[in-house]
Amino acid sequence: MQESEKPLDAHVHAEGESLFRAVADYTNDWESWHAPDGRLIWVNPSVERLTGYSVSVCMNMPDYPLPLIAEADRNRIASILHTALQRTSGEQVEFCSVHTSGETRWMSLSWQPMYDGAGRYLGVRTSVRDVTDRHKLREELRLHAEHLEQLVQERTARLRQLEQRQRQMEKLAALGQLAAGVAHEINNPLAGMRNAFELIKSSLPSDHEHYDLLELVDREIERISAIIHQMYQLYRRSPQQSARFSLARVIGEVVYLLQSQASKRGLRLQWNGASDNLEVDLAEGEVKQILYNLIRNAIQASPPGESVTVEAKRLDSGISVSVGDRGPGIPSEVAPRIFDPFFSTKQSEPEGGMGLGLSVSRSLIESMGGRIEVLSEEGAGSTFTAVFPCSLED
């Protein structure tokens, strides 16, 4: 009975070996068996699908599998395989494999020592899985996460700006009642002073020895009146009706008004006109005031002998008017405050005002849907650019 069973056992053993071989050969992963000394004993056909190298080429490759691996990863994988021969195990070590077509794909390596039924060490089994799609997805997720983080940072920065602007608006509101009340109270006696002064001035001949002092007083009264007007504009502004007009014409008029002021300071005020009329549908008086403030500030910031340039051009979002000076520029510690009301770097100068010009200008242009941009470099001058919409409906 026992003698008759031996051929059957041999048959079952052979059939089992054949089945195990079929399973190994048809495994989707790239499988290899290395002898204890590192020699390749067997590799399954999946190696050709993943790398383009046939089983026969691999079996005859003296330094297998290094030629199948991207050069940047070869030393690392060689070190891992050397460690694997010391009967260690590991998994999910990623590396790049280079296909015979030149395509680079991401792979994940796992390895385990193998033993027979008697516990004899047979070598190392390696299993390599193509994880290119997973790696691409991981990279896409990483980029998406970076993008989201950037959006969050931008959103946070924007919220901080809005909070800062809200605090500024609250400050303006608190100052508004006081400033408007003071302006109103000053304006009434100032009108009386101006009328009385005009009578005094008209009664003296122009060759009077103190006539120059009268001119000085007249200019100072006019400056007080301009400051009061700015305070009204900032805190009790009555929006003007919009109308269609040529922005190029208005720029020319403002330049003409300020030409004498520039000449007194020894400056060249340059405006070469525009290629077209640059028509807009806005409140002309408010546009003129914005441009007047920006150009006057540039004149006051420029040293004698330099020039102030005014340029206009059409944009997709509207029309920009840039005013550039050759002054000292805006110090970095001052730049965040230049639009604050009552902040001025020219308070010690004879022509220095109350620091309302830029604050009024930004308030006016933002109410139109525009903005003011500033580009400044210490020692090289500044450029203020007013970007106007073409109409209040833009």
Protein backbone atom coordinates (compact mmCIF):
# COMPACT_ATOMS: atom_id res chain seq x y z
CA MET A 1 0.00 0.00 0.00
CA GLN A 2 2.80 2.36 0.93
CA GLU A 3 4.73 1.53 -2.20
CA SER A 4 1.71 2.38 -4.37
CA GLU A 5 1.30 5.78 -2.67
CA LYS A 6 4.80 7.08 -3.50
CA PRO A 7 4.11 7.83 -7.17
CA LEU A 8 0.91 9.63 -6.12
CA ASP A 9 2.81 11.77 -3.58
CA ALA A 10 5.41 12.65 -6.20
CA HIS A 11 2.64 13.56 -8.62
CA VAL A 12 0.89 15.75 -6.05
CA HIS A 13 4.19 17.42 -5.18
CA ALA A 14 4.97 18.13 -8.83
CA GLU A 15 1.47 19.45 -9.43
CA GLY A 16 1.68 21.68 -6.36
CA GLU A 17 5.03 23.07 -7.45
CA SER A 18 3.57 23.81 -10.88
CA LEU A 19 0.61 25.62 -9.30
CA PHE A 20 2.83 27.67 -7.02
CA ARG A 21 5.01 28.54 -10.01
CA ALA A 22 1.92 29.66 -11.96
CA VAL A 23 0.77 31.83 -9.06
CA ALA A 24 4.22 33.43 -8.78
CA ASP A 25 4.54 33.97 -12.54
CA TYR A 26 1.11 35.57 -12.85
CA THR A 27 1.40 37.81 -9.81
CA ASN A 28 0.81 41.42 -10.80
CA ASP A 29 3.81 42.65 -8.78
CA TRP A 30 7.40 42.31 -9.93
CA GLU A 31 8.75 39.40 -7.86
CA SER A 32 12.34 38.20 -7.50
CA TRP A 33 14.20 35.50 -5.57
CA HIS A 34 17.81 36.12 -4.60
CA ALA A 35 20.10 33.38 -3.29
CA PRO A 36 21.90 33.89 0.06
CA ASP A 37 24.92 35.21 -1.88
CA GLY A 38 22.73 37.74 -3.78
CA ARG A 39 22.53 35.85 -7.12
CA LEU A 40 19.20 36.12 -8.94
CA ILE A 41 17.50 32.70 -8.92
CA TRP A 42 14.13 33.63 -10.36
CA VAL A 43 12.13 36.67 -11.53
CA ASN A 44 8.51 36.64 -12.71
CA PRO A 45 7.30 37.97 -16.09
CA SER A 46 5.78 41.12 -14.53
CA VAL A 47 9.26 42.62 -14.66
CA GLU A 48 8.87 43.09 -18.42
CA ARG A 49 5.47 44.80 -18.06
CA LEU A 50 6.81 47.23 -15.50
CA THR A 51 10.33 47.87 -16.82
CA GLY A 52 10.46 46.66 -20.41
CA TYR A 53 13.26 44.19 -19.58
CA SER A 54 12.50 40.53 -20.32
CA VAL A 55 13.01 37.70 -17.81
CA SER A 56 15.92 36.30 -19.84
CA VAL A 57 17.68 39.68 -19.96
CA CYS A 58 17.28 40.04 -16.20
CA MET A 59 18.55 36.52 -15.51
CA ASN A 60 21.73 37.31 -17.46
CA MET A 61 22.20 40.74 -15.88
CA PRO A 62 25.27 40.63 -13.58
CA ASP A 63 24.21 43.55 -11.35
CA TYR A 64 20.45 42.97 -11.36
CA PRO A 65 18.30 44.93 -10.55
CA LEU A 66 20.40 48.12 -10.53
CA PRO A 67 20.20 48.86 -14.32
CA LEU A 68 16.39 48.92 -13.98
CA ILE A 69 16.56 51.62 -11.29
CA ALA A 70 16.95 55.38 -11.79
CA GLU A 71 20.55 56.42 -11.27
CA ALA A 72 19.69 58.72 -8.35
CA ASP A 73 18.24 55.76 -6.40
CA ARG A 74 20.71 53.00 -7.30
CA ASN A 75 23.08 53.37 -4.36
CA ARG A 76 20.20 53.47 -1.89
CA ILE A 77 18.53 50.33 -3.32
CA ALA A 78 21.88 48.52 -3.53
CA SER A 79 22.41 49.24 0.18
CA ILE A 80 18.91 47.97 1.00
CA LEU A 81 19.48 44.72 -0.95
CA HIS A 82 22.79 44.22 0.84
CA THR A 83 21.00 44.64 4.17
CA ALA A 84 18.22 42.27 3.02
CA LEU A 85 20.78 39.49 2.57
CA GLN A 86 21.46 39.78 6.30
CA ARG A 87 17.98 38.23 6.80
CA THR A 88 16.18 41.51 7.45
CA SER A 89 12.75 42.47 6.18
CA GLY A 90 11.17 45.77 5.15
CA GLU A 91 8.40 47.25 3.08
CA GLN A 92 7.15 50.27 1.13
CA VAL A 93 10.50 51.74 0.24
CA GLU A 94 9.85 53.96 -2.78
CA PHE A 95 12.24 54.47 -5.66
CA CYS A 96 12.14 55.38 -9.35
CA SER A 97 12.47 52.75 -12.08
CA VAL A 98 13.40 53.60 -15.66
CA HIS A 99 11.48 51.76 -18.40
CA THR A 100 13.31 50.79 -21.58
CA SER A 101 11.13 53.41 -23.32
CA GLY A 102 12.72 56.09 -21.14
CA GLU A 103 9.65 56.58 -18.94
CA THR A 104 10.32 56.96 -15.22
CA ARG A 105 7.84 55.31 -12.87
CA TRP A 106 7.54 55.17 -9.10
CA MET A 107 7.91 51.75 -7.41
CA SER A 108 7.47 50.45 -3.85
CA LEU A 109 9.89 47.75 -2.64
CA SER A 110 9.22 45.12 0.04
CA TRP A 111 11.49 42.20 1.02
CA GLN A 112 11.51 39.18 3.34
CA PRO A 113 13.99 36.33 4.07
CA MET A 114 12.85 32.81 2.95
CA TYR A 115 13.32 29.47 4.75
CA ASP A 116 12.44 25.89 3.84
CA GLY A 117 10.51 23.47 6.05
CA ALA A 118 13.67 22.53 7.92
CA GLY A 119 14.48 26.18 8.69
CA ARG A 120 17.29 26.36 6.17
CA TYR A 121 17.86 29.93 4.85
CA LEU A 122 17.02 30.05 1.12
CA GLY A 123 17.68 33.73 0.34
CA VAL A 124 15.56 36.85 -0.09
CA ARG A 125 12.25 37.43 -1.82
CA THR A 126 11.66 40.96 -3.15
CA SER A 127 8.34 42.32 -4.31
CA VAL A 128 8.04 45.56 -6.27
CA ARG A 129 4.70 47.29 -6.88
CA ASP A 130 4.02 50.12 -9.36
CA VAL A 131 2.78 53.10 -7.26
CA THR A 132 3.08 55.80 -9.93
CA ASP A 133 -0.61 56.64 -9.85
CA ARG A 134 -0.59 56.78 -6.06
CA HIS A 135 2.49 58.98 -6.08
CA LYS A 136 0.91 61.33 -8.63
CA LEU A 137 -2.21 61.53 -6.50
CA ARG A 138 -0.10 62.22 -3.43
CA GLU A 139 1.75 64.97 -5.29
CA GLU A 140 -1.53 66.45 -6.50
CA LEU A 141 -2.83 66.40 -2.93
CA ARG A 142 0.35 68.06 -1.72
CA LEU A 143 0.08 70.80 -4.34
CA HIS A 144 -3.60 71.17 -3.55
CA ALA A 145 -2.80 71.46 0.16
CA GLU A 146 -0.12 74.07 -0.58
CA HIS A 147 -2.62 75.98 -2.72
CA LEU A 148 -5.22 75.83 0.04
CA GLU A 149 -2.64 76.99 2.56
CA GLN A 150 -1.75 79.88 0.28
CA LEU A 151 -5.42 80.78 -0.08
CA VAL A 152 -5.83 80.64 3.69
CA GLN A 153 -2.80 82.89 4.17
CA GLU A 154 -4.10 85.34 1.57
CA ARG A 155 -7.54 85.25 3.16
CA THR A 156 -6.03 85.80 6.61
CA ALA A 157 -3.96 88.71 5.32
CA ARG A 158 -7.05 90.16 3.67
CA LEU A 159 -9.03 89.82 6.91
CA ARG A 160 -6.25 91.57 8.80
CA GLN A 161 -6.33 94.38 6.25
CA LEU A 162 -10.10 94.64 6.61
CA GLU A 163 -9.82 94.65 10.39
CA GLN A 164 -7.17 97.36 10.20
CA ARG A 165 -9.35 99.34 7.80
CA GLN A 166 -12.33 98.86 10.11
CA ARG A 167 -10.34 100.23 13.03
CA GLN A 168 -9.30 103.16 10.90
CA MET A 169 -12.90 103.81 9.89
CA GLU A 170 -13.93 103.70 13.54
CA LYS A 171 -11.17 106.18 14.27
CA LEU A 172 -12.39 108.42 11.46
CA ALA A 173 -15.94 108.20 12.74
CA ALA A 174 -14.80 109.19 16.22
CA LEU A 175 -12.79 112.11 14.89
CA GLY A 176 -15.48 113.05 12.40
CA GLN A 177 -17.89 114.73 14.76
CA LEU A 178 -15.13 116.74 16.41
CA ALA A 179 -13.40 117.71 13.14
CA ALA A 180 -16.61 118.64 11.30
CA GLY A 181 -17.80 120.68 14.29
CA VAL A 182 -14.47 122.49 14.58
CA ALA A 183 -14.40 123.13 10.83
CA HIS A 184 -17.88 124.59 10.93
CA GLU A 185 -17.07 126.82 13.89
CA ILE A 186 -13.81 128.05 12.32
CA ASN A 187 -15.35 128.62 8.90
CA ASN A 188 -17.82 131.25 10.11
CA PRO A 189 -15.33 133.65 11.77
CA LEU A 190 -12.84 132.95 8.99
CA ALA A 191 -15.31 134.27 6.43
CA GLY A 192 -15.67 137.44 8.46
CA MET A 193 -11.89 137.79 8.78
CA ARG A 194 -11.46 137.33 5.04
CA ASN A 195 -14.04 140.00 4.20
CA ALA A 196 -12.54 142.46 6.70
CA PHE A 197 -9.03 141.73 5.44
CA GLU A 198 -10.06 142.32 1.82
CA LEU A 199 -11.30 145.78 2.82
CA ILE A 200 -8.01 146.55 4.56
CA LYS A 201 -5.95 145.20 1.65
CA SER A 202 -7.93 147.14 -0.95
CA SER A 203 -7.43 150.39 0.98
CA LEU A 204 -3.63 150.18 0.77
CA PRO A 205 -1.62 150.86 -2.39
CA SER A 206 0.54 148.08 -3.79
CA ASP A 207 3.70 150.12 -3.08
CA HIS A 208 2.99 150.31 0.64
CA GLU A 209 5.92 149.17 2.77
CA HIS A 210 3.85 146.45 4.43
CA TYR A 211 1.98 145.32 1.33
CA ASP A 212 4.10 142.10 1.14
CA LEU A 213 2.95 141.22 4.65
CA LEU A 214 -0.63 141.59 3.51
CA GLU A 215 0.07 139.11 0.70
CA LEU A 216 1.50 136.69 3.26
CA VAL A 217 -1.57 137.01 5.50
CA ASP A 218 -3.80 136.51 2.46
CA ARG A 219 -2.00 133.28 1.56
CA GLU A 220 -2.25 131.99 5.13
CA ILE A 221 -5.98 132.70 5.24
CA GLU A 222 -6.33 130.83 1.98
CA ARG A 223 -4.38 127.91 3.45
CA ILE A 224 -6.66 127.76 6.50
CA SER A 225 -9.66 127.79 4.18
CA ALA A 226 -8.21 124.91 2.14
CA ILE A 227 -7.63 122.86 5.32
CA ILE A 228 -11.22 123.40 6.45
CA HIS A 229 -12.46 122.39 3.00
CA GLN A 230 -10.43 119.18 3.23
CA MET A 231 -11.92 118.41 6.62
CA TYR A 232 -15.41 118.82 5.20
CA GLN A 233 -14.53 116.60 2.24
CA LEU A 234 -13.23 113.85 4.49
CA TYR A 235 -16.02 113.78 7.06
CA ARG A 236 -19.10 115.39 5.53
CA ARG A 237 -18.64 114.70 1.88
CA SER A 238 -21.66 115.24 -0.35
CA PRO A 239 -21.25 112.97 -3.38
CA GLN A 240 -21.26 114.90 -6.64
CA GLN A 241 -23.23 113.93 -9.71
CA SER A 242 -21.29 112.04 -12.32
CA ALA A 243 -20.94 113.32 -15.87
CA ARG A 244 -19.04 112.31 -18.98
CA PHE A 245 -15.80 114.25 -19.50
CA SER A 246 -12.27 113.90 -20.82
CA LEU A 247 -9.85 112.82 -18.10
CA ALA A 248 -6.97 114.08 -20.26
CA ARG A 249 -8.54 117.55 -20.24
CA VAL A 250 -8.91 117.55 -16.45
CA ILE A 251 -5.29 116.43 -16.01
CA GLY A 252 -4.20 119.29 -18.26
CA GLU A 253 -6.21 121.80 -16.23
CA VAL A 254 -4.75 120.61 -12.91
CA VAL A 255 -1.22 120.71 -14.34
CA TYR A 256 -1.86 124.25 -15.55
CA LEU A 257 -3.10 125.32 -12.09
CA LEU A 258 -0.01 123.89 -10.38
CA GLN A 259 2.53 124.99 -13.02
CA SER A 260 3.30 128.25 -11.22
CA GLN A 261 3.80 126.44 -7.89
CA ALA A 262 6.25 124.07 -9.57
CA SER A 263 8.11 126.95 -11.21
CA LYS A 264 8.49 128.77 -7.87
CA ARG A 265 10.23 125.68 -6.51
CA GLY A 266 12.47 125.38 -9.56
CA LEU A 267 10.77 122.24 -10.84
CA ARG A 268 9.65 121.00 -14.24
CA LEU A 269 6.06 119.74 -14.29
CA GLN A 270 5.82 117.40 -17.28
CA TRP A 271 2.54 116.29 -18.85
CA ASN A 272 2.66 115.25 -22.50
CA GLY A 273 -1.05 114.71 -22.92
CA ALA A 274 -2.63 111.40 -23.85
CA SER A 275 -3.12 109.47 -27.08
CA ASP A 276 -6.91 109.82 -26.73
CA ASN A 277 -9.40 111.78 -24.68
CA LEU A 278 -9.68 109.02 -22.05
CA GLU A 279 -13.33 109.76 -21.46
CA VAL A 280 -14.88 108.75 -18.14
CA ASP A 281 -18.28 109.09 -16.48
CA LEU A 282 -17.40 110.23 -12.94
CA ALA A 283 -17.72 113.20 -10.59
CA GLU A 284 -15.38 115.67 -12.28
CA GLY A 285 -14.81 117.85 -9.22
CA GLU A 286 -13.75 114.88 -7.10
CA VAL A 287 -11.42 113.56 -9.82
CA LYS A 288 -9.85 116.99 -10.08
CA GLN A 289 -9.32 117.17 -6.33
CA ILE A 290 -7.64 113.74 -6.26
CA LEU A 291 -5.25 114.71 -9.04
CA TYR A 292 -4.60 118.12 -7.48
CA ASN A 293 -3.61 116.52 -4.16
CA LEU A 294 -1.32 113.92 -5.77
CA ILE A 295 0.47 116.38 -8.06
CA ARG A 296 0.83 119.02 -5.32
CA ASN A 297 2.32 116.39 -2.96
CA ALA A 298 4.82 115.39 -5.66
CA ILE A 299 5.81 119.03 -6.15
CA GLN A 300 6.30 119.53 -2.41
CA ALA A 301 8.37 116.33 -2.18
CA SER A 302 10.75 117.22 -5.04
CA PRO A 303 14.00 119.17 -4.63
CA PRO A 304 14.75 122.15 -6.95
CA GLY A 305 16.03 121.26 -10.40
CA GLU A 306 14.12 117.99 -10.61
CA SER A 307 10.93 117.16 -12.47
CA VAL A 308 7.48 115.84 -11.66
CA THR A 309 5.99 113.64 -14.38
CA VAL A 310 2.32 112.93 -15.00
CA GLU A 311 1.33 110.04 -17.26
CA ALA A 312 -2.03 108.47 -18.11
CA LYS A 313 -2.90 105.23 -19.87
CA ARG A 314 -5.91 103.06 -20.46
CA LEU A 315 -6.15 99.74 -18.61
CA ASP A 316 -8.55 96.82 -18.90
CA SER A 317 -10.08 97.84 -15.57
CA GLY A 318 -10.11 101.61 -16.15
CA ILE A 319 -7.60 104.44 -16.56
CA SER A 320 -4.45 104.98 -14.52
CA VAL A 321 -2.84 108.36 -13.84
CA SER A 322 0.70 108.12 -12.45
CA VAL A 323 2.45 111.01 -10.71
CA GLY A 324 6.18 110.53 -10.18
CA ASP A 325 8.64 112.66 -8.24
CA ARG A 326 12.40 112.61 -7.62
CA GLY A 327 12.15 113.26 -3.90
CA PRO A 328 13.69 111.36 -1.00
CA GLY A 329 11.12 108.57 -1.17
CA ILE A 330 8.98 107.24 1.65
CA PRO A 331 10.79 105.61 4.60
CA SER A 332 9.65 102.05 5.24
CA GLU A 333 8.60 102.86 8.80
CA VAL A 334 6.39 105.70 7.53
CA ALA A 335 4.82 103.97 4.51
CA PRO A 336 1.97 102.22 6.40
CA ARG A 337 0.74 105.57 7.77
CA ILE A 338 0.79 107.86 4.72
CA PHE A 339 -2.98 107.53 4.21
CA ASP A 340 -3.82 108.12 7.88
CA PRO A 341 -5.68 111.39 8.50
CA PHE A 342 -3.64 114.13 10.19
CA PHE A 343 -0.37 112.33 9.41
CA SER A 344 2.17 114.38 7.46
CA THR A 345 5.91 114.30 6.89
CA LYS A 346 5.88 118.02 5.97
CA GLN A 347 4.51 119.50 9.19
CA SER A 348 7.72 121.44 9.82
CA GLU A 349 7.63 123.01 6.33
CA PRO A 350 5.91 126.33 5.59
CA GLU A 351 3.59 124.65 3.08
CA GLY A 352 2.83 121.72 5.33
CA GLY A 353 -0.85 121.06 5.93
CA MET A 354 -2.75 118.87 8.36
CA GLY A 355 -2.03 115.61 6.56
CA LEU A 356 -5.49 115.24 5.02
CA GLY A 357 -4.65 115.31 1.29
CA LEU A 358 -3.90 111.63 0.78
CA SER A 359 -6.61 110.51 3.18
CA VAL A 360 -9.20 112.61 1.33
CA SER A 361 -7.93 111.40 -2.05
CA ARG A 362 -8.15 107.73 -1.11
CA SER A 363 -11.60 108.21 0.40
CA LEU A 364 -12.83 109.89 -2.79
CA ILE A 365 -11.35 107.42 -5.27
CA GLU A 366 -12.42 104.31 -3.34
CA SER A 367 -15.98 105.62 -3.24
CA MET A 368 -15.80 105.59 -7.05
CA GLY A 369 -14.56 101.98 -7.09
CA GLY A 370 -10.95 102.95 -7.84
CA ARG A 371 -7.73 102.82 -5.84
CA ILE A 372 -4.39 104.52 -5.24
CA GLU A 373 -1.18 102.51 -5.60
CA VAL A 374 2.18 103.61 -4.22
CA LEU A 375 5.66 102.66 -5.40
CA SER A 376 8.51 104.28 -3.51
CA GLU A 377 12.22 103.77 -3.00
CA GLU A 378 14.20 105.68 -0.41
CA GLY A 379 16.53 108.10 -2.15
CA ALA A 380 14.97 107.51 -5.58
CA GLY A 381 11.53 109.13 -5.38
CA SER A 382 7.93 107.95 -5.35
CA THR A 383 5.15 107.25 -7.82
CA PHE A 384 1.50 107.53 -6.83
CA THR A 385 -0.90 105.93 -9.31
CA ALA A 386 -4.61 106.71 -9.22
CA VAL A 387 -6.63 104.00 -10.99
CA PHE A 388 -10.03 105.38 -12.00
CA PRO A 389 -12.94 103.27 -13.24
CA CYS A 390 -14.43 104.41 -16.55
CA SER A 391 -17.73 104.97 -14.81
CA LEU A 392 -19.32 104.61 -11.38
CA GLU A 393 -21.10 101.46 -12.63
CA ASP A 394 -17.85 99.60 -13.47
